[in-house]
Amino acid sequence: MTRIYVPATAASLAAWHADGLIPATALAEAFEAPDDTEEGEYAALMSAADASADLLDGPGRRFVVVVESAYAPADWADVVAVHADVADRDPDADSEEDLGWFATQEVPDLLR
């Protein structure tokens, strides 16, 4: 299975969770680690986080959906985790700030 990192907003994450699918258009914007090392996965995660920040129209939270699937659209069951800022961030903030890790069953609480 391929692990990919999909940039998202709160609105897109909510829609994907409700629909049970990650659309092919979102998967096309995903980042894949260059290798199976922790450093490679972290680089892909942070690239997706930067892309998520670019989707914001001001202060907000970056979201990255981690998907293990070779198919598009991906089923929500293929989501293995969600990474997100723990609070709204300033758009001019350092983009290298780490994201929190959330299990898929935490997504409804994460979006509140």
Protein backbone atom coordinates (compact mmCIF):
# COMPACT_ATOMS: atom_id res chain seq x y z
CA MET A 1 0.00 0.00 0.00
CA THR A 2 1.07 3.52 -0.71
CA ARG A 3 0.96 5.99 2.18
CA ILE A 4 0.12 9.49 1.07
CA TYR A 5 -0.37 12.78 2.88
CA VAL A 6 -3.37 14.81 1.71
CA PRO A 7 -3.61 18.53 2.55
CA ALA A 8 -7.03 19.55 3.82
CA THR A 9 -9.06 22.29 5.44
CA ALA A 10 -11.60 21.85 8.22
CA ALA A 11 -14.38 22.07 5.63
CA SER A 12 -12.88 19.48 3.27
CA LEU A 13 -12.06 17.12 6.16
CA ALA A 14 -15.64 17.38 7.42
CA ALA A 15 -17.04 16.67 3.95
CA TRP A 16 -14.72 13.69 3.36
CA HIS A 17 -15.58 12.24 6.75
CA ALA A 18 -19.33 12.66 6.13
CA ASP A 19 -19.12 11.23 2.59
CA GLY A 20 -16.82 8.37 3.61
CA LEU A 21 -14.53 9.13 0.65
CA ILE A 22 -11.43 11.14 -0.16
CA PRO A 23 -12.03 12.37 -3.73
CA ALA A 24 -9.59 11.73 -6.55
CA THR A 25 -9.03 15.47 -6.95
CA ALA A 26 -7.75 15.70 -3.36
CA LEU A 27 -5.59 12.60 -3.77
CA ALA A 28 -3.99 14.19 -6.83
CA GLU A 29 -2.69 16.96 -4.53
CA ALA A 30 -1.21 14.48 -2.03
CA PHE A 31 2.44 14.06 -1.11
CA GLU A 32 4.22 10.72 -0.98
CA ALA A 33 7.34 10.06 1.07
CA PRO A 34 10.45 9.61 -1.07
CA ASP A 35 11.33 6.52 0.97
CA ASP A 36 10.15 4.48 3.98
CA THR A 37 12.28 6.32 6.53
CA GLU A 38 10.84 8.47 9.30
CA GLU A 39 12.61 11.45 7.78
CA GLY A 40 10.98 10.81 4.39
CA GLU A 41 7.54 10.47 5.93
CA TYR A 42 8.06 13.61 8.01
CA ALA A 43 9.11 15.55 4.91
CA ALA A 44 5.95 14.46 3.07
CA LEU A 45 3.81 15.34 6.11
CA MET A 46 5.29 18.82 6.39
CA SER A 47 4.98 19.41 2.62
CA ALA A 48 1.28 18.55 2.91
CA ALA A 49 1.02 20.84 5.96
CA ASP A 50 2.50 23.71 3.92
CA ALA A 51 -0.01 22.99 1.15
CA SER A 52 -2.80 22.97 3.72
CA ALA A 53 -1.65 26.38 5.00
CA ASP A 54 -1.87 27.67 1.42
CA LEU A 55 -5.56 26.64 1.39
CA LEU A 56 -6.36 28.91 4.35
CA ASP A 57 -7.81 32.39 3.80
CA GLY A 58 -6.45 33.68 7.10
CA PRO A 59 -5.95 32.26 10.57
CA GLY A 60 -6.94 28.63 10.86
CA ARG A 61 -5.71 25.11 11.33
CA ARG A 62 -3.70 22.99 8.94
CA PHE A 63 -5.02 19.46 8.41
CA VAL A 64 -3.25 16.53 6.77
CA VAL A 65 -5.10 13.27 6.13
CA VAL A 66 -2.89 10.18 5.99
CA VAL A 67 -4.25 7.62 3.54
CA GLU A 68 -3.02 4.14 2.67
CA SER A 69 -4.62 3.30 -0.66
CA ALA A 70 -3.72 2.76 -4.27
CA TYR A 71 -7.21 3.67 -5.47
CA ALA A 72 -9.01 6.92 -6.15
CA PRO A 73 -11.32 7.89 -4.69
CA ALA A 74 -10.10 6.45 -1.41
CA ASP A 75 -12.53 5.03 1.11
CA TRP A 76 -12.55 6.66 4.55
CA ALA A 77 -11.54 3.22 5.92
CA ASP A 78 -8.18 3.78 4.16
CA VAL A 79 -7.45 6.79 6.39
CA VAL A 80 -4.94 5.81 9.05
CA ALA A 81 -4.61 9.14 10.89
CA VAL A 82 -5.16 12.88 10.72
CA HIS A 83 -2.52 15.44 11.66
CA ALA A 84 -3.65 18.94 12.63
CA ASP A 85 -2.61 22.08 14.42
CA VAL A 86 -3.91 21.95 17.96
CA ALA A 87 -5.23 25.53 17.61
CA ASP A 88 -5.72 28.17 14.94
CA ARG A 89 -2.43 29.53 13.73
CA ASP A 90 -1.33 32.89 12.40
CA PRO A 91 -0.82 32.69 8.62
CA ASP A 92 2.63 34.25 9.08
CA ALA A 93 3.68 31.67 11.71
CA ASP A 94 6.62 29.31 11.22
CA SER A 95 5.42 26.56 8.89
CA GLU A 96 7.71 23.99 10.48
CA GLU A 97 5.67 23.79 13.68
CA ASP A 98 4.72 20.17 14.35
CA LEU A 99 1.16 18.98 14.02
CA GLY A 100 -0.75 16.88 16.52
CA TRP A 101 -1.66 13.28 15.66
CA PHE A 102 -5.31 12.20 15.83
CA ALA A 103 -6.89 8.78 15.33
CA THR A 104 -9.68 8.57 12.78
CA GLN A 105 -12.32 8.11 15.47
CA GLU A 106 -11.26 11.50 16.92
CA VAL A 107 -12.16 13.44 13.75
CA PRO A 108 -15.67 14.49 14.89
CA ASP A 109 -14.21 15.95 18.11
CA LEU A 110 -11.31 17.49 16.18
CA LEU A 111 -13.76 19.39 13.96
CA ARG A 112 -15.77 20.87 16.85
